Amino acid sequence: MFKIYTKTGDKGSTSLIGGVRVPKSHIRIESYGTVDELNSFLGMVNDMANNKQVYEWILEIQDRLFTIGSELATNPDKEVKMKLPDLHETDVKWLEDRIDGMNEALPEMRSFILPGGNLAASTCHVARCVCRRAERLCVAMQEHNEHVPELVLQYLNRLSDFLFVLARYIGHINGAEEVPWRARV
């Protein structure tokens, strides 16, 4: 029987794909942990959105996030014996096409809007924030000479845009009113 626990991380370290052990506080672990957190929030959005099209889109994105997670969990200095999935430029284009399609159905934005509208839209805004954090962590990895493919950064950047528009779209198809931000003067 397969056991989920191995006890190898009980002292605060874990293995990257390729076998190298690093502290659980390592920026590489933080980056793919944040991608995993994002994936979990997207599962919540899907459970709440109750929309077939949104469901299919999010499943596609969740698959790409597992791809990104495996990339970030791999030690770039070690030869990996297993075949890992990879990200493609068409994945970024796929997001852009969905953004453009949703924008056609949405009213023009004339100001910043407050996150909210309904539970699925609000959770999508949370996912957007987690996505931005994942992107910032990947940039920090690069600043620390940790390998991160440029395509991962592009995908996360575009995904956060997608999630902003998706939050608006979910609110729109559910008849939720957008609340504009009114700066105090």
N, C-alpha and C. Protein backbone atom coordinates (compact mmCIF):
# COMPACT_ATOMS: atom_id res chain seq x y z
N MET A 1 0.84 -1.18 0.00
CA MET A 1 0.00 0.00 0.00
C MET A 1 0.88 1.25 0.00
N PHE A 2 0.53 2.21 -0.83
CA PHE A 2 1.25 3.47 -0.93
C PHE A 2 0.92 4.34 0.28
N LYS A 3 1.94 4.83 0.95
CA LYS A 3 1.73 5.74 2.08
C LYS A 3 2.05 7.16 1.63
N ILE A 4 1.21 8.08 2.05
CA ILE A 4 1.39 9.47 1.66
C ILE A 4 2.55 10.11 2.42
N TYR A 5 2.86 9.60 3.58
CA TYR A 5 3.95 10.18 4.36
C TYR A 5 5.22 9.35 4.20
N THR A 6 6.35 10.08 4.17
CA THR A 6 7.64 9.40 4.01
C THR A 6 8.55 9.63 5.21
N LYS A 7 8.24 10.64 6.00
CA LYS A 7 9.01 11.05 7.18
C LYS A 7 10.36 11.66 6.83
N THR A 8 10.67 11.78 5.51
CA THR A 8 11.97 12.33 5.12
C THR A 8 12.04 13.84 5.31
N GLY A 9 10.89 14.48 5.46
CA GLY A 9 10.87 15.93 5.64
C GLY A 9 10.68 16.37 7.07
N ASP A 10 10.73 15.42 7.99
CA ASP A 10 10.45 15.74 9.39
C ASP A 10 11.44 16.73 10.01
N LYS A 11 12.59 16.87 9.42
CA LYS A 11 13.60 17.78 9.98
C LYS A 11 13.71 19.08 9.17
N GLY A 12 12.71 19.35 8.31
CA GLY A 12 12.67 20.63 7.63
C GLY A 12 13.32 20.70 6.27
N SER A 13 13.59 19.57 5.65
CA SER A 13 14.12 19.60 4.29
C SER A 13 13.24 18.73 3.39
N THR A 14 13.40 18.94 2.10
CA THR A 14 12.63 18.17 1.13
C THR A 14 13.48 17.98 -0.12
N SER A 15 13.05 17.09 -0.98
CA SER A 15 13.80 16.81 -2.21
C SER A 15 13.15 17.49 -3.41
N LEU A 16 14.01 18.06 -4.24
CA LEU A 16 13.55 18.54 -5.54
C LEU A 16 13.53 17.36 -6.50
N ILE A 17 12.83 17.53 -7.63
CA ILE A 17 12.90 16.51 -8.67
C ILE A 17 14.35 16.50 -9.15
N GLY A 18 14.96 15.37 -9.09
CA GLY A 18 16.39 15.24 -9.38
C GLY A 18 17.15 14.80 -8.14
N GLY A 19 16.46 14.84 -6.98
CA GLY A 19 17.02 14.26 -5.77
C GLY A 19 17.76 15.18 -4.83
N VAL A 20 18.04 16.40 -5.21
CA VAL A 20 18.77 17.31 -4.33
C VAL A 20 17.86 17.76 -3.18
N ARG A 21 18.36 17.69 -1.97
CA ARG A 21 17.59 18.11 -0.80
C ARG A 21 17.86 19.58 -0.51
N VAL A 22 16.79 20.30 -0.19
CA VAL A 22 16.88 21.72 0.16
C VAL A 22 16.00 21.98 1.37
N PRO A 23 16.27 23.07 2.09
CA PRO A 23 15.38 23.42 3.21
C PRO A 23 13.98 23.74 2.69
N LYS A 24 12.98 23.46 3.49
CA LYS A 24 11.60 23.74 3.08
C LYS A 24 11.35 25.24 2.96
N SER A 25 12.27 26.04 3.49
CA SER A 25 12.16 27.49 3.37
C SER A 25 12.81 28.02 2.09
N HIS A 26 13.39 27.16 1.28
CA HIS A 26 14.07 27.55 0.04
C HIS A 26 13.07 28.26 -0.89
N ILE A 27 13.53 29.28 -1.58
CA ILE A 27 12.65 30.06 -2.46
C ILE A 27 12.03 29.19 -3.56
N ARG A 28 12.69 28.16 -3.98
CA ARG A 28 12.13 27.26 -5.00
C ARG A 28 10.91 26.53 -4.43
N ILE A 29 11.00 26.11 -3.17
CA ILE A 29 9.87 25.44 -2.52
C ILE A 29 8.72 26.42 -2.34
N GLU A 30 9.06 27.65 -1.93
CA GLU A 30 8.05 28.69 -1.75
C GLU A 30 7.34 28.99 -3.07
N SER A 31 8.08 29.00 -4.16
CA SER A 31 7.47 29.32 -5.46
C SER A 31 6.49 28.24 -5.90
N TYR A 32 6.90 26.98 -5.85
CA TYR A 32 5.94 25.97 -6.32
C TYR A 32 4.84 25.70 -5.30
N GLY A 33 5.12 26.00 -4.03
CA GLY A 33 4.05 25.93 -3.03
C GLY A 33 2.98 26.99 -3.29
N THR A 34 3.41 28.16 -3.73
CA THR A 34 2.46 29.23 -4.06
C THR A 34 1.67 28.89 -5.30
N VAL A 35 2.30 28.26 -6.28
CA VAL A 35 1.58 27.80 -7.47
C VAL A 35 0.54 26.75 -7.06
N ASP A 36 0.88 25.89 -6.13
CA ASP A 36 -0.06 24.89 -5.63
C ASP A 36 -1.23 25.57 -4.91
N GLU A 37 -0.93 26.59 -4.11
CA GLU A 37 -1.99 27.36 -3.44
C GLU A 37 -2.93 27.99 -4.47
N LEU A 38 -2.35 28.57 -5.51
CA LEU A 38 -3.15 29.16 -6.59
C LEU A 38 -4.06 28.10 -7.21
N ASN A 39 -3.51 26.93 -7.47
CA ASN A 39 -4.28 25.85 -8.07
C ASN A 39 -5.47 25.47 -7.17
N SER A 40 -5.24 25.46 -5.87
CA SER A 40 -6.32 25.13 -4.94
C SER A 40 -7.41 26.20 -4.93
N PHE A 41 -7.01 27.46 -4.98
CA PHE A 41 -8.02 28.53 -5.06
C PHE A 41 -8.82 28.43 -6.35
N LEU A 42 -8.16 28.05 -7.44
CA LEU A 42 -8.90 27.89 -8.68
C LEU A 42 -9.91 26.75 -8.59
N GLY A 43 -9.57 25.71 -7.84
CA GLY A 43 -10.54 24.65 -7.59
C GLY A 43 -11.77 25.20 -6.88
N MET A 44 -11.54 26.10 -5.92
CA MET A 44 -12.67 26.74 -5.21
C MET A 44 -13.50 27.58 -6.17
N VAL A 45 -12.83 28.36 -7.01
CA VAL A 45 -13.57 29.18 -7.98
C VAL A 45 -14.44 28.27 -8.84
N ASN A 46 -13.88 27.18 -9.31
CA ASN A 46 -14.63 26.25 -10.15
C ASN A 46 -15.83 25.67 -9.42
N ASP A 47 -15.64 25.32 -8.16
CA ASP A 47 -16.74 24.76 -7.38
C ASP A 47 -17.88 25.76 -7.18
N MET A 48 -17.52 27.04 -7.10
CA MET A 48 -18.53 28.07 -6.85
C MET A 48 -19.12 28.67 -8.12
N ALA A 49 -18.37 28.69 -9.21
CA ALA A 49 -18.81 29.39 -10.42
C ALA A 49 -20.02 28.72 -11.07
N ASN A 50 -20.07 27.41 -11.01
CA ASN A 50 -21.21 26.67 -11.57
C ASN A 50 -21.49 27.08 -13.02
N ASN A 51 -20.41 27.07 -13.83
CA ASN A 51 -20.52 27.45 -15.23
C ASN A 51 -19.63 26.51 -16.04
N LYS A 52 -20.22 25.85 -17.03
CA LYS A 52 -19.49 24.84 -17.80
C LYS A 52 -18.26 25.42 -18.50
N GLN A 53 -18.38 26.59 -19.11
CA GLN A 53 -17.26 27.19 -19.82
C GLN A 53 -16.12 27.54 -18.85
N VAL A 54 -16.47 28.16 -17.75
CA VAL A 54 -15.47 28.52 -16.73
C VAL A 54 -14.81 27.25 -16.21
N TYR A 55 -15.61 26.22 -15.98
CA TYR A 55 -15.09 24.94 -15.49
C TYR A 55 -14.01 24.39 -16.44
N GLU A 56 -14.31 24.38 -17.73
CA GLU A 56 -13.35 23.86 -18.72
C GLU A 56 -12.08 24.71 -18.77
N TRP A 57 -12.25 26.03 -18.71
CA TRP A 57 -11.09 26.92 -18.72
C TRP A 57 -10.19 26.67 -17.52
N ILE A 58 -10.81 26.58 -16.36
CA ILE A 58 -10.02 26.41 -15.13
C ILE A 58 -9.32 25.06 -15.12
N LEU A 59 -9.97 24.02 -15.60
CA LEU A 59 -9.30 22.71 -15.68
C LEU A 59 -8.05 22.80 -16.56
N GLU A 60 -8.15 23.50 -17.67
CA GLU A 60 -7.00 23.69 -18.56
C GLU A 60 -5.87 24.42 -17.82
N ILE A 61 -6.22 25.46 -17.10
CA ILE A 61 -5.23 26.25 -16.36
C ILE A 61 -4.63 25.42 -15.23
N GLN A 62 -5.44 24.65 -14.53
CA GLN A 62 -4.92 23.81 -13.45
C GLN A 62 -3.89 22.83 -13.98
N ASP A 63 -4.12 22.30 -15.16
CA ASP A 63 -3.15 21.41 -15.77
C ASP A 63 -1.83 22.14 -16.03
N ARG A 64 -1.92 23.36 -16.57
CA ARG A 64 -0.70 24.14 -16.82
C ARG A 64 0.01 24.48 -15.50
N LEU A 65 -0.75 24.71 -14.44
CA LEU A 65 -0.12 25.02 -13.15
C LEU A 65 0.65 23.82 -12.60
N PHE A 66 0.16 22.61 -12.85
CA PHE A 66 0.93 21.42 -12.46
C PHE A 66 2.22 21.35 -13.29
N THR A 67 2.13 21.74 -14.55
CA THR A 67 3.32 21.78 -15.39
C THR A 67 4.33 22.78 -14.82
N ILE A 68 3.86 23.97 -14.48
CA ILE A 68 4.74 24.99 -13.90
C ILE A 68 5.31 24.52 -12.57
N GLY A 69 4.48 23.91 -11.75
CA GLY A 69 4.95 23.39 -10.47
C GLY A 69 6.05 22.36 -10.64
N SER A 70 5.90 21.49 -11.62
CA SER A 70 6.95 20.49 -11.84
C SER A 70 8.23 21.14 -12.34
N GLU A 71 8.11 22.17 -13.13
CA GLU A 71 9.29 22.92 -13.60
C GLU A 71 10.01 23.57 -12.41
N LEU A 72 9.23 24.20 -11.54
CA LEU A 72 9.82 24.89 -10.39
C LEU A 72 10.37 23.91 -9.35
N ALA A 73 9.83 22.71 -9.32
CA ALA A 73 10.26 21.69 -8.34
C ALA A 73 11.47 20.90 -8.81
N THR A 74 11.96 21.21 -10.00
CA THR A 74 13.07 20.47 -10.58
C THR A 74 14.38 21.21 -10.35
N ASN A 75 15.37 20.48 -9.90
CA ASN A 75 16.70 21.06 -9.77
C ASN A 75 17.29 21.21 -11.17
N PRO A 76 17.55 22.46 -11.59
CA PRO A 76 18.03 22.67 -12.96
C PRO A 76 19.45 22.14 -13.19
N ASP A 77 20.19 21.84 -12.12
CA ASP A 77 21.57 21.37 -12.26
C ASP A 77 21.67 19.85 -12.32
N LYS A 78 20.55 19.16 -12.19
CA LYS A 78 20.56 17.68 -12.19
C LYS A 78 19.82 17.15 -13.41
N GLU A 79 20.33 16.07 -13.93
CA GLU A 79 19.66 15.37 -15.03
C GLU A 79 18.46 14.62 -14.44
N VAL A 80 17.30 14.84 -15.02
CA VAL A 80 16.07 14.20 -14.54
C VAL A 80 15.76 13.02 -15.44
N LYS A 81 15.49 11.89 -14.84
CA LYS A 81 15.24 10.66 -15.60
C LYS A 81 13.81 10.58 -16.14
N MET A 82 12.88 11.24 -15.47
CA MET A 82 11.48 11.14 -15.90
C MET A 82 11.16 12.25 -16.91
N LYS A 83 10.17 12.00 -17.75
CA LYS A 83 9.71 12.99 -18.72
C LYS A 83 8.76 13.94 -18.01
N LEU A 84 9.10 15.22 -18.04
CA LEU A 84 8.24 16.23 -17.42
C LEU A 84 7.46 16.97 -18.48
N PRO A 85 6.24 17.40 -18.15
CA PRO A 85 5.47 18.18 -19.13
C PRO A 85 6.13 19.54 -19.32
N ASP A 86 5.83 20.18 -20.44
CA ASP A 86 6.40 21.49 -20.65
C ASP A 86 5.33 22.49 -21.07
N LEU A 87 5.67 23.75 -20.87
CA LEU A 87 4.80 24.86 -21.20
C LEU A 87 5.13 25.32 -22.62
N HIS A 88 4.13 25.82 -23.33
CA HIS A 88 4.33 26.28 -24.71
C HIS A 88 3.86 27.72 -24.86
N GLU A 89 4.39 28.42 -25.83
CA GLU A 89 3.94 29.79 -26.10
C GLU A 89 2.44 29.82 -26.42
N THR A 90 1.93 28.73 -26.98
CA THR A 90 0.49 28.67 -27.29
C THR A 90 -0.35 28.69 -26.01
N ASP A 91 0.23 28.29 -24.88
CA ASP A 91 -0.50 28.35 -23.61
C ASP A 91 -0.75 29.80 -23.20
N VAL A 92 0.23 30.67 -23.45
CA VAL A 92 0.07 32.10 -23.17
C VAL A 92 -0.96 32.69 -24.12
N LYS A 93 -0.87 32.32 -25.38
CA LYS A 93 -1.82 32.80 -26.39
C LYS A 93 -3.24 32.36 -26.06
N TRP A 94 -3.38 31.15 -25.54
CA TRP A 94 -4.70 30.63 -25.14
C TRP A 94 -5.32 31.55 -24.09
N LEU A 95 -4.51 31.97 -23.12
CA LEU A 95 -5.01 32.91 -22.09
C LEU A 95 -5.44 34.23 -22.72
N GLU A 96 -4.60 34.75 -23.61
CA GLU A 96 -4.89 36.03 -24.26
C GLU A 96 -6.20 35.95 -25.05
N ASP A 97 -6.42 34.84 -25.74
CA ASP A 97 -7.65 34.68 -26.51
C ASP A 97 -8.88 34.66 -25.60
N ARG A 98 -8.76 34.00 -24.44
CA ARG A 98 -9.88 33.96 -23.50
C ARG A 98 -10.12 35.35 -22.89
N ILE A 99 -9.05 36.07 -22.59
CA ILE A 99 -9.18 37.43 -22.07
C ILE A 99 -9.93 38.30 -23.07
N ASP A 100 -9.51 38.25 -24.33
CA ASP A 100 -10.15 39.05 -25.37
C ASP A 100 -11.62 38.69 -25.52
N GLY A 101 -11.93 37.41 -25.49
CA GLY A 101 -13.32 36.97 -25.62
C GLY A 101 -14.19 37.44 -24.46
N MET A 102 -13.69 37.32 -23.23
CA MET A 102 -14.46 37.78 -22.08
C MET A 102 -14.65 39.30 -22.11
N ASN A 103 -13.59 40.02 -22.50
CA ASN A 103 -13.67 41.49 -22.54
C ASN A 103 -14.75 41.97 -23.49
N GLU A 104 -15.01 41.23 -24.55
CA GLU A 104 -16.06 41.62 -25.49
C GLU A 104 -17.44 41.61 -24.83
N ALA A 105 -17.62 40.76 -23.83
CA ALA A 105 -18.91 40.65 -23.16
C ALA A 105 -19.05 41.59 -21.96
N LEU A 106 -17.94 42.21 -21.56
CA LEU A 106 -17.94 43.03 -20.34
C LEU A 106 -18.11 44.51 -20.65
N PRO A 107 -18.74 45.24 -19.72
CA PRO A 107 -18.80 46.69 -19.89
C PRO A 107 -17.40 47.29 -19.74
N GLU A 108 -17.17 48.41 -20.40
CA GLU A 108 -15.88 49.08 -20.32
C GLU A 108 -15.61 49.51 -18.87
N MET A 109 -14.39 49.30 -18.43
CA MET A 109 -14.00 49.74 -17.09
C MET A 109 -13.61 51.20 -17.15
N ARG A 110 -14.21 52.00 -16.25
CA ARG A 110 -13.91 53.42 -16.24
C ARG A 110 -13.17 53.83 -14.97
N SER A 111 -12.98 52.88 -14.08
CA SER A 111 -12.24 53.16 -12.85
C SER A 111 -11.78 51.83 -12.27
N PHE A 112 -10.95 51.91 -11.24
CA PHE A 112 -10.62 50.68 -10.52
C PHE A 112 -11.89 50.16 -9.89
N ILE A 113 -11.97 48.84 -9.75
CA ILE A 113 -13.14 48.25 -9.09
C ILE A 113 -12.71 47.52 -7.83
N LEU A 114 -13.61 47.47 -6.88
CA LEU A 114 -13.33 46.74 -5.65
C LEU A 114 -13.61 45.26 -5.88
N PRO A 115 -12.73 44.38 -5.40
CA PRO A 115 -12.99 42.95 -5.53
C PRO A 115 -14.32 42.60 -4.85
N GLY A 116 -15.10 41.78 -5.49
CA GLY A 116 -16.37 41.35 -4.91
C GLY A 116 -17.38 41.05 -5.99
N GLY A 117 -18.62 41.01 -5.60
CA GLY A 117 -19.71 40.76 -6.54
C GLY A 117 -20.46 39.50 -6.18
N ASN A 118 -19.75 38.42 -6.08
CA ASN A 118 -20.29 37.17 -5.55
C ASN A 118 -19.10 36.33 -5.09
N LEU A 119 -19.38 35.22 -4.44
CA LEU A 119 -18.31 34.43 -3.83
C LEU A 119 -17.31 33.90 -4.86
N ALA A 120 -17.77 33.45 -6.01
CA ALA A 120 -16.85 32.93 -7.03
C ALA A 120 -15.96 34.05 -7.56
N ALA A 121 -16.54 35.22 -7.83
CA ALA A 121 -15.75 36.35 -8.34
C ALA A 121 -14.74 36.81 -7.29
N SER A 122 -15.17 36.90 -6.05
CA SER A 122 -14.26 37.32 -4.97
C SER A 122 -13.10 36.33 -4.81
N THR A 123 -13.40 35.05 -4.88
CA THR A 123 -12.36 34.03 -4.76
C THR A 123 -11.42 34.09 -5.96
N CYS A 124 -11.95 34.43 -7.11
CA CYS A 124 -11.10 34.60 -8.30
C CYS A 124 -10.13 35.76 -8.09
N HIS A 125 -10.58 36.82 -7.42
CA HIS A 125 -9.67 37.93 -7.10
C HIS A 125 -8.57 37.47 -6.14
N VAL A 126 -8.92 36.63 -5.18
CA VAL A 126 -7.91 36.08 -4.28
C VAL A 126 -6.90 35.26 -5.08
N ALA A 127 -7.39 34.44 -6.00
CA ALA A 127 -6.50 33.64 -6.85
C ALA A 127 -5.58 34.55 -7.66
N ARG A 128 -6.10 35.66 -8.14
CA ARG A 128 -5.28 36.62 -8.89
C ARG A 128 -4.14 37.14 -8.03
N CYS A 129 -4.43 37.45 -6.78
CA CYS A 129 -3.39 37.94 -5.87
C CYS A 129 -2.34 36.87 -5.59
N VAL A 130 -2.77 35.63 -5.43
CA VAL A 130 -1.83 34.53 -5.21
C VAL A 130 -0.98 34.33 -6.46
N CYS A 131 -1.59 34.48 -7.63
CA CYS A 131 -0.85 34.36 -8.88
C CYS A 131 0.24 35.43 -8.97
N ARG A 132 -0.09 36.65 -8.58
CA ARG A 132 0.91 37.72 -8.59
C ARG A 132 2.06 37.41 -7.62
N ARG A 133 1.72 36.82 -6.47
CA ARG A 133 2.76 36.44 -5.52
C ARG A 133 3.67 35.37 -6.12
N ALA A 134 3.07 34.38 -6.80
CA ALA A 134 3.88 33.35 -7.46
C ALA A 134 4.81 33.98 -8.49
N GLU A 135 4.30 34.94 -9.22
CA GLU A 135 5.12 35.63 -10.22
C GLU A 135 6.28 36.37 -9.53
N ARG A 136 5.98 37.07 -8.44
CA ARG A 136 7.04 37.80 -7.72
C ARG A 136 8.10 36.86 -7.18
N LEU A 137 7.68 35.70 -6.70
CA LEU A 137 8.64 34.72 -6.20
C LEU A 137 9.52 34.19 -7.32
N CYS A 138 8.95 33.99 -8.49
CA CYS A 138 9.75 33.52 -9.62
C CYS A 138 10.75 34.58 -10.06
N VAL A 139 10.35 35.84 -10.02
CA VAL A 139 11.29 36.93 -10.33
C VAL A 139 12.40 36.95 -9.28
N ALA A 140 12.04 36.79 -8.01
CA ALA A 140 13.05 36.75 -6.95
C ALA A 140 14.00 35.57 -7.14
N MET A 141 13.47 34.44 -7.61
CA MET A 141 14.35 33.30 -7.89
C MET A 141 15.39 33.68 -8.93
N GLN A 142 14.95 34.34 -9.99
CA GLN A 142 15.90 34.77 -11.02
C GLN A 142 16.95 35.71 -10.43
N GLU A 143 16.52 36.60 -9.55
CA GLU A 143 17.45 37.53 -8.92
C GLU A 143 18.48 36.82 -8.05
N HIS A 144 18.13 35.61 -7.59
CA HIS A 144 19.04 34.78 -6.78
C HIS A 144 19.72 33.71 -7.63
N ASN A 145 19.75 33.95 -8.94
CA ASN A 145 20.39 33.03 -9.89
C ASN A 145 19.81 31.63 -9.88
N GLU A 146 18.54 31.52 -9.56
CA GLU A 146 17.81 30.26 -9.67
C GLU A 146 17.13 30.25 -11.03
N HIS A 147 17.27 29.18 -11.77
CA HIS A 147 16.69 29.10 -13.11
C HIS A 147 15.17 29.08 -13.07
N VAL A 148 14.56 29.99 -13.82
CA VAL A 148 13.12 30.01 -14.06
C VAL A 148 12.94 30.35 -15.54
N PRO A 149 12.32 29.47 -16.30
CA PRO A 149 12.11 29.78 -17.72
C PRO A 149 11.28 31.06 -17.91
N GLU A 150 11.67 31.85 -18.88
CA GLU A 150 10.94 33.09 -19.18
C GLU A 150 9.46 32.82 -19.46
N LEU A 151 9.18 31.67 -20.08
CA LEU A 151 7.80 31.34 -20.41
C LEU A 151 6.94 31.16 -19.15
N VAL A 152 7.54 30.68 -18.07
CA VAL A 152 6.81 30.56 -16.80
C VAL A 152 6.40 31.95 -16.32
N LEU A 153 7.32 32.91 -16.39
CA LEU A 153 7.00 34.28 -15.98
C LEU A 153 5.91 34.88 -16.87
N GLN A 154 6.02 34.67 -18.16
CA GLN A 154 5.00 35.18 -19.09
C GLN A 154 3.64 34.59 -18.78
N TYR A 155 3.62 33.28 -18.55
CA TYR A 155 2.35 32.61 -18.29
C TYR A 155 1.71 33.13 -17.00
N LEU A 156 2.50 33.24 -15.94
CA LEU A 156 1.95 33.73 -14.66
C LEU A 156 1.48 35.17 -14.79
N ASN A 157 2.22 35.98 -15.52
CA ASN A 157 1.82 37.37 -15.73
C ASN A 157 0.49 37.44 -16.46
N ARG A 158 0.37 36.68 -17.54
CA ARG A 158 -0.87 36.69 -18.31
C ARG A 158 -2.01 36.05 -17.53
N LEU A 159 -1.69 35.02 -16.74
CA LEU A 159 -2.72 34.36 -15.95
C LEU A 159 -3.34 35.32 -14.94
N SER A 160 -2.53 36.17 -14.32
CA SER A 160 -3.11 37.13 -13.36
C SER A 160 -4.05 38.09 -14.09
N ASP A 161 -3.70 38.49 -15.31
CA ASP A 161 -4.62 39.32 -16.10
C ASP A 161 -5.91 38.55 -16.40
N PHE A 162 -5.75 37.29 -16.80
CA PHE A 162 -6.91 36.44 -17.09
C PHE A 162 -7.81 36.35 -15.86
N LEU A 163 -7.22 36.15 -14.68
CA LEU A 163 -8.02 35.98 -13.47
C LEU A 163 -8.76 37.26 -13.09
N PHE A 164 -8.16 38.41 -13.37
CA PHE A 164 -8.87 39.67 -13.13
C PHE A 164 -10.10 39.76 -14.03
N VAL A 165 -9.89 39.48 -15.31
CA VAL A 165 -11.01 39.54 -16.25
C VAL A 165 -12.03 38.45 -15.94
N LEU A 166 -11.56 37.27 -15.56
CA LEU A 166 -12.48 36.19 -15.21
C LEU A 166 -13.34 36.57 -14.00
N ALA A 167 -12.75 37.22 -13.01
CA ALA A 167 -13.54 37.66 -11.85
C ALA A 167 -14.65 38.61 -12.29
N ARG A 168 -14.31 39.55 -13.16
CA ARG A 168 -15.32 40.46 -13.69
C ARG A 168 -16.38 39.69 -14.49
N TYR A 169 -15.92 38.74 -15.30
CA TYR A 169 -16.81 37.97 -16.14
C TYR A 169 -17.79 37.13 -15.30
N ILE A 170 -17.27 36.48 -14.28
CA ILE A 170 -18.13 35.67 -13.40
C ILE A 170 -19.18 36.57 -12.75
N GLY A 171 -18.75 37.73 -12.28
CA GLY A 171 -19.71 38.68 -11.71
C GLY A 171 -20.75 39.09 -12.73
N HIS A 172 -20.30 39.38 -13.93
CA HIS A 172 -21.19 39.82 -15.01
C HIS A 172 -22.24 38.77 -15.36
N ILE A 173 -21.81 37.52 -15.56
CA ILE A 173 -22.79 36.49 -15.96
C ILE A 173 -23.73 36.12 -14.81
N ASN A 174 -23.37 36.55 -13.60
CA ASN A 174 -24.24 36.30 -12.45
C ASN A 174 -25.01 37.56 -12.03
N GLY A 175 -24.92 38.61 -12.83
CA GLY A 175 -25.68 39.83 -12.56
C GLY A 175 -25.19 40.64 -11.38
N ALA A 176 -23.95 40.43 -10.98
CA ALA A 176 -23.39 41.19 -9.85
C ALA A 176 -22.95 42.57 -10.32
N GLU A 177 -23.22 43.56 -9.52
CA GLU A 177 -22.82 44.93 -9.86
C GLU A 177 -21.38 45.17 -9.45
N GLU A 178 -20.60 45.78 -10.33
CA GLU A 178 -19.23 46.15 -9.98
C GLU A 178 -19.27 47.43 -9.16
N VAL A 179 -18.45 47.43 -8.12
CA VAL A 179 -18.38 48.61 -7.25
C VAL A 179 -17.10 49.36 -7.58
N PRO A 180 -17.22 50.57 -8.14
CA PRO A 180 -16.02 51.33 -8.46
C PRO A 180 -15.35 51.83 -7.19
N TRP A 181 -14.03 51.91 -7.24
CA TRP A 181 -13.29 52.49 -6.13
C TRP A 181 -13.38 54.00 -6.22
N ARG A 182 -13.75 54.61 -5.13
CA ARG A 182 -13.84 56.07 -5.06
C ARG A 182 -12.78 56.54 -4.08
N ALA A 183 -11.76 57.18 -4.60
CA ALA A 183 -10.67 57.65 -3.75
C ALA A 183 -11.18 58.76 -2.83
N ARG A 184 -10.79 58.67 -1.59
CA ARG A 184 -11.16 59.71 -0.62
C ARG A 184 -10.32 60.95 -0.93
N VAL A 185 -10.96 62.10 -0.94
CA VAL A 185 -10.21 63.34 -1.21
C VAL A 185 -10.37 64.34 -0.10
